[in-house]
Amino acid sequence: MKLENIQSIFVIIAIILVIAFVPYTAIIVIIVCCFLLQDLFKKKGTDNYSENLHRRDPLNRTPPRRPEPVTPQDDPLKAMGDKYERYIGEKLEEKGEVVIYNGFIMGHSDQGVDLISISPAHKTINLIQCKNWKKMNMGVEVFDDVYNKLSNYFSDYVTSYFSFQPSIINSHASKPYDEGLLKNLMTDIKNSPEDYTIRKTLYASSEHVVDLEVGRHVEMIKPNIFRYKEMKIVFTDQSF
């Protein structure tokens, strides 16, 4: 028996003796005894609970924690997708186009458009989605989904909200653009979107994930470039 339990018992005995000689204090003493007994049983219950825990786990190990939610930085598939978007974007930058890394800027609100590649000289805006797939099946329904998102993006989003700040664009570009030129370009697109030709492109890292039935729905332009409706599909054979 623990020391504090023995002390509590002695106190209770002493109180009982006091009651015998001083009856008029009985009510107060009974209340005190109730609190002491309650405390005694509470300690005993805690001790029993601790002993049971030790019996269940003799090593007294810490209970396992609930796993932390997976963040994008810890997701290898997202990391692969980000690297592929970066690769495609830098290749387009090398061609002299202004590339807006929409997926990095907007996150889950990118409306299905990973990159926006603009050619000021040719007045074209290329809306791009990138697929760095290795095992997932790419059937007609995937092409349709990508095509619909790219088709709806400009009409629903760009004409009203195409106001990317030059500093935001440059924060993701491999080489900063002239901010004055960027500002003029964004203003021109927002004010006169009809002057720009809209293109839609799906970049895929491998053609081996494409379902065979897709063949009758696409037109081959070059060995690695196909057309689905008004969308170009480019297989790069470059994955991460």
C-alpha atoms as a PDB file:
ATOM      1  CA  MET A   1       0.000   0.000   0.000  1.00  0.00           C
ATOM      2  CA  LYS A   2       1.326   3.408  -0.930  1.00  0.00           C
ATOM      3  CA  LEU A   3       2.254   6.017   1.683  1.00  0.00           C
ATOM      4  CA  GLU A   4      -0.454   8.486   0.714  1.00  0.00           C
ATOM      5  CA  ASN A   5      -3.126   5.779   1.076  1.00  0.00           C
ATOM      6  CA  ILE A   6      -1.913   4.884   4.604  1.00  0.00           C
ATOM      7  CA  GLN A   7      -1.926   8.561   5.560  1.00  0.00           C
ATOM      8  CA  SER A   8      -5.514   8.958   4.332  1.00  0.00           C
ATOM      9  CA  ILE A   9      -6.648   5.956   6.420  1.00  0.00           C
ATOM     10  CA  PHE A  10      -5.012   7.354   9.558  1.00  0.00           C
ATOM     11  CA  VAL A  11      -6.724  10.684   9.002  1.00  0.00           C
ATOM     12  CA  ILE A  12     -10.110   8.996   8.653  1.00  0.00           C
ATOM     13  CA  ILE A  13      -9.537   7.015  11.904  1.00  0.00           C
ATOM     14  CA  ALA A  14      -8.542  10.190  13.723  1.00  0.00           C
ATOM     15  CA  ILE A  15     -11.667  11.952  12.501  1.00  0.00           C
ATOM     16  CA  ILE A  16     -13.860   9.071  13.717  1.00  0.00           C
ATOM     17  CA  LEU A  17     -12.273   9.352  17.190  1.00  0.00           C
ATOM     18  CA  VAL A  18     -12.928  13.086  17.197  1.00  0.00           C
ATOM     19  CA  ILE A  19     -16.585  12.460  16.365  1.00  0.00           C
ATOM     20  CA  ALA A  20     -16.868  10.135  19.369  1.00  0.00           C
ATOM     21  CA  PHE A  21     -15.785  12.882  21.768  1.00  0.00           C
ATOM     22  CA  VAL A  22     -17.150  15.939  19.975  1.00  0.00           C
ATOM     23  CA  PRO A  23     -20.592  14.974  18.539  1.00  0.00           C
ATOM     24  CA  TYR A  24     -21.623  18.483  17.467  1.00  0.00           C
ATOM     25  CA  THR A  25     -18.896  18.462  14.786  1.00  0.00           C
ATOM     26  CA  ALA A  26     -20.218  15.287  13.205  1.00  0.00           C
ATOM     27  CA  ILE A  27     -21.803  16.946  10.162  1.00  0.00           C
ATOM     28  CA  ILE A  28     -18.647  18.859   9.205  1.00  0.00           C
ATOM     29  CA  VAL A  29     -16.464  15.802   9.764  1.00  0.00           C
ATOM     30  CA  ILE A  30     -18.710  13.582   7.648  1.00  0.00           C
ATOM     31  CA  ILE A  31     -18.381  16.009   4.729  1.00  0.00           C
ATOM     32  CA  VAL A  32     -14.588  16.020   5.108  1.00  0.00           C
ATOM     33  CA  CYS A  33     -14.570  12.211   5.230  1.00  0.00           C
ATOM     34  CA  CYS A  34     -16.541  12.044   1.984  1.00  0.00           C
ATOM     35  CA  PHE A  35     -13.954  14.180   0.184  1.00  0.00           C
ATOM     36  CA  LEU A  36     -11.084  12.093   1.588  1.00  0.00           C
ATOM     37  CA  LEU A  37     -12.691   8.807   0.615  1.00  0.00           C
ATOM     38  CA  GLN A  38     -13.443  10.136  -2.870  1.00  0.00           C
ATOM     39  CA  ASP A  39      -9.791  11.151  -3.290  1.00  0.00           C
ATOM     40  CA  LEU A  40      -8.635   7.744  -2.024  1.00  0.00           C
ATOM     41  CA  PHE A  41     -10.758   5.796  -4.490  1.00  0.00           C
ATOM     42  CA  LYS A  42      -9.739   8.119  -7.332  1.00  0.00           C
ATOM     43  CA  LYS A  43      -6.038   7.453  -6.656  1.00  0.00           C
ATOM     44  CA  LYS A  44      -6.679   3.746  -6.399  1.00  0.00           C
ATOM     45  CA  GLY A  45      -8.495   3.745  -9.730  1.00  0.00           C
ATOM     46  CA  THR A  46      -5.641   5.655 -11.377  1.00  0.00           C
ATOM     47  CA  ASP A  47      -3.095   3.227  -9.973  1.00  0.00           C
ATOM     48  CA  ASN A  48      -5.079   0.245 -11.266  1.00  0.00           C
ATOM     49  CA  TYR A  49      -5.372   1.867 -14.728  1.00  0.00           C
ATOM     50  CA  SER A  50      -1.614   2.463 -14.853  1.00  0.00           C
ATOM     51  CA  GLU A  51      -0.920  -1.097 -13.743  1.00  0.00           C
ATOM     52  CA  ASN A  52      -3.227  -2.436 -16.453  1.00  0.00           C
ATOM     53  CA  LEU A  53      -1.439  -0.329 -19.068  1.00  0.00           C
ATOM     54  CA  HIS A  54       1.888  -1.776 -17.980  1.00  0.00           C
ATOM     55  CA  ARG A  55       0.460  -5.293 -18.096  1.00  0.00           C
ATOM     56  CA  ARG A  56      -0.769  -4.756 -21.652  1.00  0.00           C
ATOM     57  CA  ASP A  57       2.538  -3.264 -22.766  1.00  0.00           C
ATOM     58  CA  PRO A  58       5.454  -4.442 -20.548  1.00  0.00           C
ATOM     59  CA  LEU A  59       7.828  -2.227 -22.518  1.00  0.00           C
ATOM     60  CA  ASN A  60       5.764   0.853 -21.612  1.00  0.00           C
ATOM     61  CA  ARG A  61       5.976   2.074 -25.193  1.00  0.00           C
ATOM     62  CA  THR A  62       4.405   5.329 -26.328  1.00  0.00           C
ATOM     63  CA  PRO A  63       1.116   4.725 -28.212  1.00  0.00           C
ATOM     64  CA  PRO A  64       1.551   5.231 -31.977  1.00  0.00           C
ATOM     65  CA  ARG A  65       0.578   8.657 -33.277  1.00  0.00           C
ATOM     66  CA  ARG A  66      -1.950   9.177 -36.014  1.00  0.00           C
ATOM     67  CA  PRO A  67      -0.017   9.650 -39.262  1.00  0.00           C
ATOM     68  CA  GLU A  68       0.315  13.233 -40.443  1.00  0.00           C
ATOM     69  CA  PRO A  69      -1.604  14.132 -43.624  1.00  0.00           C
ATOM     70  CA  VAL A  70       0.468  13.831 -46.772  1.00  0.00           C
ATOM     71  CA  THR A  71       1.486  17.222 -48.116  1.00  0.00           C
ATOM     72  CA  PRO A  72       2.204  17.915 -51.793  1.00  0.00           C
ATOM     73  CA  GLN A  73       5.896  18.156 -50.930  1.00  0.00           C
ATOM     74  CA  ASP A  74       5.791  14.579 -49.605  1.00  0.00           C
ATOM     75  CA  ASP A  75       3.809  13.218 -52.561  1.00  0.00           C
ATOM     76  CA  PRO A  76       6.225  11.636 -55.068  1.00  0.00           C
ATOM     77  CA  LEU A  77       3.594  11.622 -57.836  1.00  0.00           C
ATOM     78  CA  LYS A  78       2.998  15.356 -57.474  1.00  0.00           C
ATOM     79  CA  ALA A  79       6.757  15.955 -57.398  1.00  0.00           C
ATOM     80  CA  MET A  80       7.078  14.045 -60.689  1.00  0.00           C
ATOM     81  CA  GLY A  81       4.259  16.082 -62.204  1.00  0.00           C
ATOM     82  CA  ASP A  82       5.810  19.369 -61.068  1.00  0.00           C
ATOM     83  CA  LYS A  83       9.191  18.440 -62.572  1.00  0.00           C
ATOM     84  CA  TYR A  84       7.563  17.571 -65.874  1.00  0.00           C
ATOM     85  CA  GLU A  85       5.652  20.885 -65.962  1.00  0.00           C
ATOM     86  CA  ARG A  86       8.891  22.706 -65.228  1.00  0.00           C
ATOM     87  CA  TYR A  87      10.669  20.802 -68.016  1.00  0.00           C
ATOM     88  CA  ILE A  88       7.986  21.649 -70.609  1.00  0.00           C
ATOM     89  CA  GLY A  89       7.827  25.270 -69.471  1.00  0.00           C
ATOM     90  CA  GLU A  90      11.566  25.787 -69.766  1.00  0.00           C
ATOM     91  CA  LYS A  91      11.610  24.262 -73.252  1.00  0.00           C
ATOM     92  CA  LEU A  92       8.966  26.777 -74.312  1.00  0.00           C
ATOM     93  CA  GLU A  93      10.877  29.615 -72.658  1.00  0.00           C
ATOM     94  CA  GLU A  94      13.913  28.647 -74.717  1.00  0.00           C
ATOM     95  CA  LYS A  95      11.803  29.266 -77.824  1.00  0.00           C
ATOM     96  CA  GLY A  96      11.260  32.859 -76.712  1.00  0.00           C
ATOM     97  CA  GLU A  97       7.711  32.441 -75.446  1.00  0.00           C
ATOM     98  CA  VAL A  98       6.348  33.989 -72.246  1.00  0.00           C
ATOM     99  CA  VAL A  99       5.426  31.084 -69.970  1.00  0.00           C
ATOM    100  CA  ILE A 100       3.054  31.484 -67.048  1.00  0.00           C
ATOM    101  CA  TYR A 101       3.340  28.555 -64.646  1.00  0.00           C
ATOM    102  CA  ASN A 102      -0.366  28.584 -63.882  1.00  0.00           C
ATOM    103  CA  GLY A 103      -0.300  25.306 -61.929  1.00  0.00           C
ATOM    104  CA  PHE A 104       2.360  26.603 -59.559  1.00  0.00           C
ATOM    105  CA  ILE A 105       0.700  30.008 -59.188  1.00  0.00           C
ATOM    106  CA  MET A 106      -2.917  28.906 -58.764  1.00  0.00           C
ATOM    107  CA  GLY A 107      -2.477  25.478 -57.164  1.00  0.00           C
ATOM    108  CA  HIS A 108      -5.733  23.501 -57.099  1.00  0.00           C
ATOM    109  CA  SER A 109      -7.510  26.481 -58.678  1.00  0.00           C
ATOM    110  CA  ASP A 110      -5.598  26.232 -61.962  1.00  0.00           C
ATOM    111  CA  GLN A 111      -8.799  25.171 -63.812  1.00  0.00           C
ATOM    112  CA  GLY A 112      -6.913  22.269 -65.423  1.00  0.00           C
ATOM    113  CA  VAL A 113      -4.353  24.516 -67.144  1.00  0.00           C
ATOM    114  CA  ASP A 114      -0.796  23.815 -66.006  1.00  0.00           C
ATOM    115  CA  LEU A 115       1.003  26.257 -68.309  1.00  0.00           C
ATOM    116  CA  ILE A 116       0.043  29.283 -70.392  1.00  0.00           C
ATOM    117  CA  SER A 117       2.558  29.915 -73.153  1.00  0.00           C
ATOM    118  CA  ILE A 118       2.223  33.240 -74.964  1.00  0.00           C
ATOM    119  CA  SER A 119       3.911  34.303 -78.178  1.00  0.00           C
ATOM    120  CA  PRO A 120       3.723  38.126 -78.392  1.00  0.00           C
ATOM    121  CA  ALA A 121       5.146  38.069 -81.931  1.00  0.00           C
ATOM    122  CA  HIS A 122       2.544  35.625 -83.300  1.00  0.00           C
ATOM    123  CA  LYS A 123      -0.218  36.708 -80.922  1.00  0.00           C
ATOM    124  CA  THR A 124      -0.966  33.163 -79.783  1.00  0.00           C
ATOM    125  CA  ILE A 125      -1.888  31.823 -76.366  1.00  0.00           C
ATOM    126  CA  ASN A 126      -1.232  28.140 -75.837  1.00  0.00           C
ATOM    127  CA  LEU A 127      -3.178  26.573 -72.964  1.00  0.00           C
ATOM    128  CA  ILE A 128      -1.313  23.484 -71.812  1.00  0.00           C
ATOM    129  CA  GLN A 129      -1.907  20.509 -69.585  1.00  0.00           C
ATOM    130  CA  CYS A 130       0.935  18.122 -68.745  1.00  0.00           C
ATOM    131  CA  LYS A 131       0.624  14.422 -67.956  1.00  0.00           C
ATOM    132  CA  ASN A 132       3.667  12.644 -66.567  1.00  0.00           C
ATOM    133  CA  TRP A 133       1.973   9.237 -66.449  1.00  0.00           C
ATOM    134  CA  LYS A 134       3.785   5.918 -66.421  1.00  0.00           C
ATOM    135  CA  LYS A 135       1.125   3.398 -65.399  1.00  0.00           C
ATOM    136  CA  MET A 136      -2.274   5.110 -65.537  1.00  0.00           C
ATOM    137  CA  ASN A 137      -4.362   4.395 -68.616  1.00  0.00           C
ATOM    138  CA  MET A 138      -4.993   7.320 -70.953  1.00  0.00           C
ATOM    139  CA  GLY A 139      -8.196   6.669 -72.873  1.00  0.00           C
ATOM    140  CA  VAL A 140     -10.567   8.830 -74.884  1.00  0.00           C
ATOM    141  CA  GLU A 141     -12.288  10.004 -71.697  1.00  0.00           C
ATOM    142  CA  VAL A 142      -8.982  11.515 -70.518  1.00  0.00           C
ATOM    143  CA  PHE A 143      -8.519  13.355 -73.810  1.00  0.00           C
ATOM    144  CA  ASP A 144     -12.098  14.621 -73.565  1.00  0.00           C
ATOM    145  CA  ASP A 145     -11.584  15.846 -70.003  1.00  0.00           C
ATOM    146  CA  VAL A 146      -8.395  17.704 -70.890  1.00  0.00           C
ATOM    147  CA  TYR A 147      -9.918  19.121 -74.071  1.00  0.00           C
ATOM    148  CA  ASN A 148     -12.999  20.445 -72.246  1.00  0.00           C
ATOM    149  CA  LYS A 149     -10.963  22.104 -69.499  1.00  0.00           C
ATOM    150  CA  LEU A 150      -8.642  23.799 -71.978  1.00  0.00           C
ATOM    151  CA  SER A 151     -11.607  24.865 -74.134  1.00  0.00           C
ATOM    152  CA  ASN A 152     -13.521  26.438 -71.263  1.00  0.00           C
ATOM    153  CA  TYR A 153     -10.567  28.150 -69.601  1.00  0.00           C
ATOM    154  CA  PHE A 154     -10.135  31.149 -71.866  1.00  0.00           C
ATOM    155  CA  SER A 155     -13.807  32.022 -72.238  1.00  0.00           C
ATOM    156  CA  ASP A 156     -14.687  31.551 -68.560  1.00  0.00           C
ATOM    157  CA  TYR A 157     -11.541  32.799 -66.892  1.00  0.00           C
ATOM    158  CA  VAL A 158      -9.042  34.715 -68.961  1.00  0.00           C
ATOM    159  CA  THR A 159     -11.348  37.325 -70.477  1.00  0.00           C
ATOM    160  CA  SER A 160     -12.496  38.454 -67.042  1.00  0.00           C
ATOM    161  CA  TYR A 161      -9.512  37.789 -64.792  1.00  0.00           C
ATOM    162  CA  PHE A 162      -6.414  37.676 -66.964  1.00  0.00           C
ATOM    163  CA  SER A 163      -4.406  40.029 -64.784  1.00  0.00           C
ATOM    164  CA  PHE A 164      -1.327  38.116 -63.658  1.00  0.00           C
ATOM    165  CA  GLN A 165       1.098  40.498 -61.994  1.00  0.00           C
ATOM    166  CA  PRO A 166       4.595  40.603 -63.593  1.00  0.00           C
ATOM    167  CA  SER A 167       6.214  39.833 -60.232  1.00  0.00           C
ATOM    168  CA  ILE A 168       4.086  36.688 -59.854  1.00  0.00           C
ATOM    169  CA  ILE A 169       4.975  35.491 -63.366  1.00  0.00           C
ATOM    170  CA  ASN A 170       8.671  36.151 -62.780  1.00  0.00           C
ATOM    171  CA  SER A 171       8.656  34.321 -59.445  1.00  0.00           C
ATOM    172  CA  HIS A 172       8.337  31.035 -61.362  1.00  0.00           C
ATOM    173  CA  ALA A 173      10.035  31.793 -64.689  1.00  0.00           C
ATOM    174  CA  SER A 174      13.550  30.402 -65.128  1.00  0.00           C
ATOM    175  CA  LYS A 175      14.703  33.843 -66.321  1.00  0.00           C
ATOM    176  CA  PRO A 176      12.807  37.012 -65.319  1.00  0.00           C
ATOM    177  CA  TYR A 177      11.007  38.857 -68.094  1.00  0.00           C
ATOM    178  CA  ASP A 178      10.989  42.623 -68.437  1.00  0.00           C
ATOM    179  CA  GLU A 179       8.184  43.674 -66.094  1.00  0.00           C
ATOM    180  CA  GLY A 180       7.135  46.603 -68.270  1.00  0.00           C
ATOM    181  CA  LEU A 181       6.668  44.352 -71.290  1.00  0.00           C
ATOM    182  CA  LEU A 182       4.792  41.800 -69.199  1.00  0.00           C
ATOM    183  CA  LYS A 183       2.412  44.431 -67.878  1.00  0.00           C
ATOM    184  CA  ASN A 184       1.662  45.687 -71.389  1.00  0.00           C
ATOM    185  CA  LEU A 185       1.161  42.119 -72.615  1.00  0.00           C
ATOM    186  CA  MET A 186      -1.290  41.236 -69.830  1.00  0.00           C
ATOM    187  CA  THR A 187      -3.229  44.462 -70.414  1.00  0.00           C
ATOM    188  CA  ASP A 188      -3.408  43.839 -74.161  1.00  0.00           C
ATOM    189  CA  ILE A 189      -4.719  40.288 -73.683  1.00  0.00           C
ATOM    190  CA  LYS A 190      -7.295  41.383 -71.131  1.00  0.00           C
ATOM    191  CA  ASN A 191      -8.551  44.268 -73.274  1.00  0.00           C
ATOM    192  CA  SER A 192      -8.416  42.564 -76.689  1.00  0.00           C
ATOM    193  CA  PRO A 193      -8.566  38.764 -76.271  1.00  0.00           C
ATOM    194  CA  GLU A 194     -10.097  38.422 -79.729  1.00  0.00           C
ATOM    195  CA  ASP A 195      -6.760  39.484 -81.260  1.00  0.00           C
ATOM    196  CA  TYR A 196      -5.076  36.322 -79.965  1.00  0.00           C
ATOM    197  CA  THR A 197      -5.304  32.821 -81.380  1.00  0.00           C
ATOM    198  CA  ILE A 198      -6.002  30.254 -78.668  1.00  0.00           C
ATOM    199  CA  ARG A 199      -4.269  26.904 -78.905  1.00  0.00           C
ATOM    200  CA  LYS A 200      -4.747  23.825 -76.782  1.00  0.00           C
ATOM    201  CA  THR A 201      -2.004  21.279 -76.142  1.00  0.00           C
ATOM    202  CA  LEU A 202      -1.634  18.154 -74.057  1.00  0.00           C
ATOM    203  CA  TYR A 203       1.965  17.195 -73.299  1.00  0.00           C
ATOM    204  CA  ALA A 204       2.417  13.567 -72.242  1.00  0.00           C
ATOM    205  CA  SER A 205       5.672  12.010 -71.140  1.00  0.00           C
ATOM    206  CA  SER A 206       4.983   8.635 -72.776  1.00  0.00           C
ATOM    207  CA  GLU A 207       2.740   7.240 -75.478  1.00  0.00           C
ATOM    208  CA  HIS A 208       2.844   3.778 -73.893  1.00  0.00           C
ATOM    209  CA  VAL A 209       0.079   4.685 -71.430  1.00  0.00           C
ATOM    210  CA  VAL A 210      -2.382   5.509 -74.223  1.00  0.00           C
ATOM    211  CA  ASP A 211      -5.240   3.086 -74.757  1.00  0.00           C
ATOM    212  CA  LEU A 212      -5.136   1.430 -78.202  1.00  0.00           C
ATOM    213  CA  GLU A 213      -8.742   2.428 -78.947  1.00  0.00           C
ATOM    214  CA  VAL A 214      -7.634   6.072 -78.977  1.00  0.00           C
ATOM    215  CA  GLY A 215      -5.941   5.476 -82.335  1.00  0.00           C
ATOM    216  CA  ARG A 216      -9.156   5.826 -84.337  1.00  0.00           C
ATOM    217  CA  HIS A 217      -9.967   9.155 -82.635  1.00  0.00           C
ATOM    218  CA  VAL A 218      -6.712  10.956 -83.336  1.00  0.00           C
ATOM    219  CA  GLU A 219      -4.862  12.185 -86.394  1.00  0.00           C
ATOM    220  CA  MET A 220      -1.101  11.807 -86.622  1.00  0.00           C
ATOM    221  CA  ILE A 221       0.802  14.968 -87.586  1.00  0.00           C
ATOM    222  CA  LYS A 222       4.296  13.663 -86.819  1.00  0.00           C
ATOM    223  CA  PRO A 223       5.462  10.415 -85.167  1.00  0.00           C
ATOM    224  CA  ASN A 224       5.198  12.021 -81.723  1.00  0.00           C
ATOM    225  CA  ILE A 225       2.524  14.651 -82.422  1.00  0.00           C
ATOM    226  CA  PHE A 226      -1.184  13.951 -82.853  1.00  0.00           C
ATOM    227  CA  ARG A 227      -4.375  15.946 -83.061  1.00  0.00           C
ATOM    228  CA  TYR A 228      -7.564  15.271 -81.105  1.00  0.00           C
ATOM    229  CA  LYS A 229     -10.366  17.619 -82.192  1.00  0.00           C
ATOM    230  CA  GLU A 230      -8.715  21.066 -81.968  1.00  0.00           C
ATOM    231  CA  MET A 231      -6.145  19.936 -79.392  1.00  0.00           C
ATOM    232  CA  LYS A 232      -2.578  18.971 -80.157  1.00  0.00           C
ATOM    233  CA  ILE A 233      -1.072  16.018 -78.280  1.00  0.00           C
ATOM    234  CA  VAL A 234       2.711  15.914 -77.943  1.00  0.00           C
ATOM    235  CA  PHE A 235       4.558  12.858 -76.599  1.00  0.00           C
ATOM    236  CA  THR A 236       7.974  13.899 -75.321  1.00  0.00           C
ATOM    237  CA  ASP A 237       9.437  10.568 -74.127  1.00  0.00           C
ATOM    238  CA  GLN A 238      10.877  12.568 -71.258  1.00  0.00           C
ATOM    239  CA  SER A 239       9.596  11.668 -67.791  1.00  0.00           C
ATOM    240  CA  PHE A 240      10.669  12.223 -64.216  1.00  0.00           C
END
